[in-house]
Amino acid sequence: MLSGAATTRRVLAGIGLTLLLVVGATPPADAALRADPGAGCPPDQPDCSVWDDEPGNPGDPGGGDNGGGGDDGGGGGGVCQWNGRTIACYDEDLGWFNNGNGCYYKLTEMPIEPPEGHQWYLETCNGGDLGSQQPVALADPPAGFGAPPDPEELARRALASIKLLPARLKVAPRKDIGPGLVGLPVWMWATAGKNYFGPLYADESDRGLTVYIEAKVDRIVWDMGNGEKVTCYGAGTEYKATGTRAGATSPDCGYDEGYSKADTYKVTATTHWTVNWWTNSDATRRVIPQTRRSGIVQIRINELQVVTR
């Protein structure tokens, strides 16, 4: 004996209403963007191809550490996955996602009454892809239906709308100007600016819930290319040959002891961003750590030559 839903599908197939629904429904234009709201390098965000100043090698995306709660999720209060990709648990046009069968469900109306005790839902399967919609009559709401928006998903959507750039590195001495010497201090600094250090702000809203984010740099960890690292808590100070500290150590970001042997070193840096987020209903601040890796700056170090007579 067929269930009410199966009987209804057979009737609809006979009158062609399913085809009309498939033709008439259009997915949201930004479905691809919403499909992966927490990507480390979202569309139109150039974090994956930023070049450093001198001479320049492409930086890596770095991405996020997914702090503050697992993978990127959707509005069903948890993580929604389909065919190996993370998708939104709620879509404004498709409704709520059911992790069990990979279909979205949204209440809809039909020209015929559903079976007693049932309601019409527009079912969009295959993770919301085109060509797989049909009306179904169900006695109970599908799993996940009606769940509130996930605030962390909104926070990650807001994060995707801003640009957290890796530091643009500068060092003194540097290879294109002239070599340094063994044992002398090295200065490091980075281009200042909001996109490089913050603070940056964004917000995202869904069904009455608004999430606000604030992103700013916590620190930059410099890899000196010889196995040693230096942590700086700011952009650093530009070296000036005529400055009062010329030949001395940097006041805030330097490799003070210098290199111990002559060589050409590749200096890189990782920028650690802290993204705080909170909602219009809960002022408690939560954190999504993010990192961005810069390109390479080369530094040439020579031996100090002593002339004897």
Protein backbone atom coordinates (compact mmCIF):
# COMPACT_ATOMS: atom_id res chain seq x y z
CA MET A 1 0.00 0.00 0.00
CA LEU A 2 1.34 3.40 -0.99
CA SER A 3 1.88 6.15 1.58
CA GLY A 4 0.06 9.47 1.33
CA ALA A 5 3.18 11.16 -0.03
CA ALA A 6 3.72 8.46 -2.67
CA THR A 7 0.08 8.61 -3.78
CA THR A 8 0.27 12.38 -4.07
CA ARG A 9 3.41 12.19 -6.22
CA ARG A 10 1.62 9.80 -8.62
CA VAL A 11 -1.35 12.17 -8.93
CA LEU A 12 0.91 15.19 -9.53
CA ALA A 13 2.87 13.33 -12.18
CA GLY A 14 -0.39 12.74 -14.03
CA ILE A 15 -1.40 16.40 -14.12
CA GLY A 16 2.08 17.78 -14.80
CA LEU A 17 2.30 20.08 -11.79
CA THR A 18 5.78 18.88 -10.86
CA LEU A 19 7.14 20.03 -14.21
CA LEU A 20 5.58 23.47 -13.75
CA LEU A 21 7.23 23.82 -10.35
CA VAL A 22 10.62 22.82 -11.71
CA VAL A 23 10.40 25.32 -14.58
CA GLY A 24 9.05 28.12 -12.42
CA ALA A 25 11.59 27.86 -9.61
CA THR A 26 14.87 29.72 -9.89
CA PRO A 27 17.74 29.38 -7.46
CA PRO A 28 19.23 32.46 -5.84
CA ALA A 29 21.89 34.23 -7.91
CA ASP A 30 24.39 34.07 -5.09
CA ALA A 31 23.84 30.38 -4.30
CA ALA A 32 27.45 29.58 -5.10
CA LEU A 33 28.72 32.12 -2.56
CA ARG A 34 26.33 30.93 0.13
CA ALA A 35 27.34 27.33 -0.54
CA ASP A 36 30.60 27.83 1.30
CA PRO A 37 30.19 30.77 3.67
CA GLY A 38 33.32 30.08 5.65
CA ALA A 39 35.90 29.69 2.92
CA GLY A 40 39.36 31.03 3.69
CA CYS A 41 39.51 32.86 0.36
CA PRO A 42 35.96 33.74 -0.75
CA PRO A 43 35.13 35.14 -4.20
CA ASP A 44 36.40 38.69 -4.80
CA GLN A 45 38.68 38.48 -1.75
CA PRO A 46 42.31 38.68 -2.95
CA ASP A 47 43.92 37.02 0.05
CA CYS A 48 45.17 34.12 -2.07
CA SER A 49 47.18 36.20 -4.55
CA VAL A 50 48.65 39.15 -2.70
CA TRP A 51 52.27 39.91 -3.58
CA ASP A 52 54.78 41.34 -1.17
CA ASP A 53 56.83 44.41 -1.96
CA GLU A 54 60.35 43.37 -2.84
CA PRO A 55 60.85 41.63 -5.13
CA GLY A 56 57.69 39.68 -4.52
CA ASN A 57 56.47 36.13 -4.32
CA PRO A 58 52.80 35.28 -3.94
CA GLY A 59 51.55 34.83 -0.40
CA ASP A 60 49.52 31.81 0.62
CA PRO A 61 45.87 32.03 1.71
CA GLY A 62 46.59 31.00 5.27
CA GLY A 63 42.90 30.68 5.94
CA GLY A 64 41.23 30.33 9.28
CA ASP A 65 41.91 28.12 12.21
CA ASN A 66 38.17 27.51 12.50
CA GLY A 67 38.33 28.53 16.11
CA GLY A 68 35.18 29.09 18.06
CA GLY A 69 33.38 26.00 16.88
CA GLY A 70 34.17 23.42 14.27
CA ASP A 71 33.53 23.59 10.56
CA ASP A 72 31.52 26.16 8.71
CA GLY A 73 27.85 25.53 9.26
CA GLY A 74 24.41 26.65 8.21
CA GLY A 75 21.23 27.95 9.71
CA GLY A 76 19.98 24.64 11.03
CA GLY A 77 21.95 25.00 14.24
CA GLY A 78 24.64 22.60 13.02
CA VAL A 79 26.81 21.71 10.08
CA CYS A 80 25.18 20.82 6.74
CA GLN A 81 27.17 18.80 4.24
CA TRP A 82 26.39 17.46 0.78
CA ASN A 83 28.73 15.61 -1.59
CA GLY A 84 31.76 16.62 0.44
CA ARG A 85 31.01 20.34 0.57
CA THR A 86 29.59 22.51 3.32
CA ILE A 87 26.33 24.23 2.42
CA ALA A 88 23.94 26.60 4.18
CA CYS A 89 21.45 24.85 6.45
CA TYR A 90 18.88 27.51 5.56
CA ASP A 91 18.35 29.16 2.19
CA GLU A 92 15.94 32.06 1.78
CA ASP A 93 14.49 30.62 -1.42
CA LEU A 94 14.77 26.87 -0.78
CA GLY A 95 14.01 26.61 2.94
CA TRP A 96 15.69 24.27 5.46
CA PHE A 97 18.18 21.55 4.61
CA ASN A 98 17.81 17.92 5.68
CA ASN A 99 21.24 16.36 6.22
CA GLY A 100 19.66 12.89 6.02
CA ASN A 101 18.68 12.98 2.35
CA GLY A 102 20.40 16.08 0.94
CA CYS A 103 17.16 17.97 0.23
CA TYR A 104 15.85 21.43 1.11
CA TYR A 105 12.21 21.82 2.20
CA LYS A 106 10.02 24.90 2.11
CA LEU A 107 6.29 25.15 2.85
CA THR A 108 4.35 25.79 -0.33
CA GLU A 109 0.77 25.87 -1.68
CA MET A 110 -0.77 23.65 -4.33
CA PRO A 111 -4.05 23.84 -6.23
CA ILE A 112 -5.20 20.60 -4.59
CA GLU A 113 -5.51 19.84 -0.90
CA PRO A 114 -2.89 17.55 0.65
CA PRO A 115 -3.96 14.34 2.34
CA GLU A 116 -5.51 14.81 5.76
CA GLY A 117 -2.91 15.74 8.36
CA HIS A 118 -0.27 16.56 5.72
CA GLN A 119 1.28 19.78 4.43
CA TRP A 120 2.78 20.66 1.06
CA TYR A 121 6.53 21.20 0.91
CA LEU A 122 8.68 22.16 -2.04
CA GLU A 123 11.49 19.58 -2.01
CA THR A 124 14.78 20.56 -3.66
CA CYS A 125 17.29 17.73 -3.63
CA ASN A 126 20.90 17.18 -4.68
CA GLY A 127 22.04 19.86 -2.26
CA GLY A 128 19.88 22.52 -3.90
CA ASP A 129 21.01 21.92 -7.50
CA LEU A 130 18.75 22.70 -10.45
CA GLY A 131 16.44 20.14 -12.00
CA SER A 132 15.48 18.27 -8.85
CA GLN A 133 12.45 20.02 -7.39
CA GLN A 134 9.05 18.55 -6.66
CA PRO A 135 6.16 19.13 -4.26
CA VAL A 136 5.70 16.52 -1.54
CA ALA A 137 3.01 16.09 1.11
CA LEU A 138 4.42 15.24 4.53
CA ALA A 139 2.69 14.54 7.83
CA ASP A 140 5.62 15.84 9.89
CA PRO A 141 8.22 18.54 9.18
CA PRO A 142 11.51 17.12 7.84
CA ALA A 143 14.55 16.97 10.12
CA GLY A 144 16.03 20.42 10.64
CA PHE A 145 12.94 22.25 9.40
CA GLY A 146 12.21 25.54 11.18
CA ALA A 147 15.56 25.69 13.01
CA PRO A 148 16.80 29.20 13.87
CA PRO A 149 19.77 30.72 12.02
CA ASP A 150 23.22 29.64 13.15
CA PRO A 151 25.02 32.75 14.47
CA GLU A 152 28.47 31.38 13.68
CA GLU A 153 27.48 30.83 10.06
CA LEU A 154 26.39 34.47 9.90
CA ALA A 155 29.69 35.51 11.49
CA ARG A 156 31.61 33.62 8.80
CA ARG A 157 29.47 35.15 6.05
CA ALA A 158 30.28 38.59 7.46
CA LEU A 159 33.96 37.62 7.57
CA ALA A 160 33.82 36.63 3.90
CA SER A 161 32.70 40.17 3.02
CA ILE A 162 35.89 41.86 4.27
CA LYS A 163 39.51 41.55 3.20
CA LEU A 164 42.09 40.40 5.72
CA LEU A 165 45.36 40.88 3.89
CA PRO A 166 48.77 39.36 4.71
CA ALA A 167 51.49 41.78 5.73
CA ARG A 168 53.49 43.45 2.95
CA LEU A 169 57.00 42.88 4.18
CA LYS A 170 59.99 45.19 4.30
CA VAL A 171 63.38 44.53 5.85
CA ALA A 172 66.65 46.39 6.28
CA PRO A 173 69.12 45.51 5.00
CA ARG A 174 67.53 44.02 1.91
CA LYS A 175 68.94 42.29 -1.10
CA ASP A 176 67.95 44.80 -3.80
CA ILE A 177 69.66 47.73 -2.01
CA GLY A 178 72.74 46.15 -0.49
CA PRO A 179 73.90 43.34 1.78
CA GLY A 180 74.01 43.32 5.53
CA LEU A 181 76.74 41.99 7.73
CA VAL A 182 77.01 39.02 10.06
CA GLY A 183 76.07 39.90 13.63
CA LEU A 184 74.41 43.25 12.85
CA PRO A 185 70.73 43.87 13.72
CA VAL A 186 67.96 43.47 11.14
CA TRP A 187 64.88 45.73 11.06
CA MET A 188 61.48 44.42 9.96
CA TRP A 189 58.30 46.36 9.29
CA ALA A 190 55.09 46.09 7.27
CA THR A 191 52.83 48.40 5.31
CA ALA A 192 50.31 50.04 7.60
CA GLY A 193 46.61 50.26 6.75
CA LYS A 194 43.24 48.91 7.86
CA ASN A 195 43.21 46.00 5.45
CA TYR A 196 46.60 44.93 6.79
CA PHE A 197 46.02 45.51 10.50
CA GLY A 198 42.37 46.49 11.11
CA PRO A 199 40.17 47.09 12.81
CA LEU A 200 37.65 46.07 10.18
CA TYR A 201 33.91 45.73 10.81
CA ALA A 202 31.05 43.89 9.10
CA ASP A 203 27.65 42.42 9.93
CA GLU A 204 25.19 39.88 8.54
CA SER A 205 21.48 39.41 9.28
CA ASP A 206 19.03 36.55 8.86
CA ARG A 207 15.47 36.20 10.18
CA GLY A 208 15.85 38.82 12.90
CA LEU A 209 19.31 37.76 14.05
CA THR A 210 22.23 40.12 13.34
CA VAL A 211 25.85 39.17 13.90
CA TYR A 212 28.58 41.79 14.14
CA ILE A 213 32.29 41.16 13.65
CA GLU A 214 35.46 43.11 14.41
CA ALA A 215 38.75 41.93 12.89
CA LYS A 216 42.19 43.15 13.89
CA VAL A 217 45.75 41.87 13.85
CA ASP A 218 47.03 40.36 17.07
CA ARG A 219 50.63 39.71 16.01
CA ILE A 220 52.98 39.01 13.11
CA VAL A 221 55.36 36.09 13.37
CA TRP A 222 58.42 36.59 11.16
CA ASP A 223 60.33 33.54 9.93
CA MET A 224 63.91 34.72 9.41
CA GLY A 225 64.78 31.88 7.03
CA ASN A 226 67.34 30.29 9.32
CA GLY A 227 64.99 28.41 11.64
CA GLU A 228 64.47 31.36 14.00
CA LYS A 229 61.28 33.35 14.43
CA VAL A 230 60.52 36.82 15.78
CA THR A 231 57.07 37.90 17.01
CA CYS A 232 56.06 41.55 16.60
CA TYR A 233 52.91 43.16 17.98
CA GLY A 234 52.52 45.91 15.43
CA ALA A 235 53.65 47.12 12.02
CA GLY A 236 57.18 47.87 13.19
CA THR A 237 59.28 50.95 12.45
CA GLU A 238 60.75 51.79 9.05
CA TYR A 239 64.53 51.91 8.98
CA LYS A 240 66.09 55.21 7.90
CA ALA A 241 69.81 55.44 7.27
CA THR A 242 69.80 59.03 8.55
CA GLY A 243 67.59 58.32 11.56
CA THR A 244 68.64 58.62 15.17
CA ARG A 245 68.72 54.82 15.54
CA ALA A 246 70.65 54.11 12.33
CA GLY A 247 72.95 51.15 12.93
CA ALA A 248 71.19 50.25 16.19
CA THR A 249 68.34 47.83 16.92
CA SER A 250 64.73 48.43 15.94
CA PRO A 251 62.62 49.88 18.76
CA ASP A 252 59.74 47.47 18.22
CA CYS A 253 60.31 44.81 15.52
CA GLY A 254 63.78 43.52 14.83
CA TYR A 255 66.11 40.57 14.72
CA ASP A 256 68.51 42.16 17.17
CA GLU A 257 71.31 39.58 17.25
CA GLY A 258 71.43 39.34 13.46
CA TYR A 259 72.55 36.39 11.38
CA SER A 260 75.49 34.27 12.47
CA LYS A 261 76.83 33.41 9.02
CA ALA A 262 76.90 34.81 5.52
CA ASP A 263 74.16 33.63 3.16
CA THR A 264 71.02 34.74 1.31
CA TYR A 265 67.97 34.23 3.52
CA LYS A 266 64.29 34.08 2.57
CA VAL A 267 62.20 35.99 5.12
CA THR A 268 58.45 35.32 5.38
CA ALA A 269 55.76 36.23 7.91
CA THR A 270 52.41 34.97 9.16
CA THR A 271 49.83 37.55 10.23
CA HIS A 272 47.52 36.38 13.02
CA TRP A 273 44.11 38.07 12.90
CA THR A 274 41.58 37.92 15.72
CA VAL A 275 37.96 38.08 14.54
CA ASN A 276 35.56 38.82 17.41
CA TRP A 277 31.84 38.29 16.81
CA TRP A 278 28.67 38.88 18.80
CA THR A 279 24.93 39.16 18.11
CA ASN A 280 22.13 41.64 18.64
CA SER A 281 20.74 39.32 21.32
CA ASP A 282 23.97 38.24 23.03
CA ALA A 283 26.88 40.61 23.64
CA THR A 284 29.23 37.76 24.58
CA ARG A 285 32.25 37.95 22.28
CA ARG A 286 33.47 34.82 20.52
CA VAL A 287 36.55 34.43 18.37
CA ILE A 288 37.35 33.10 14.91
CA PRO A 289 41.16 33.05 14.56
CA GLN A 290 42.51 33.70 11.07
CA THR A 291 46.00 33.65 9.58
CA ARG A 292 47.46 35.11 6.41
CA ARG A 293 50.91 34.18 5.07
CA SER A 294 53.01 36.73 3.25
CA GLY A 295 55.34 36.20 0.33
CA ILE A 296 59.13 36.16 0.46
CA VAL A 297 61.64 38.95 0.97
CA GLN A 298 65.26 38.02 0.41
CA ILE A 299 68.08 39.37 2.56
CA ARG A 300 71.77 39.03 1.77
CA ILE A 301 74.27 38.81 4.61
CA ASN A 302 78.03 39.06 4.07
CA GLU A 303 81.00 38.43 6.31
CA LEU A 304 82.65 41.45 7.88
CA GLN A 305 85.97 41.89 6.11
CA VAL A 306 88.89 42.92 8.32
CA VAL A 307 91.86 44.49 6.59
CA THR A 308 95.26 43.78 8.24
CA ARG A 309 98.64 45.24 7.35
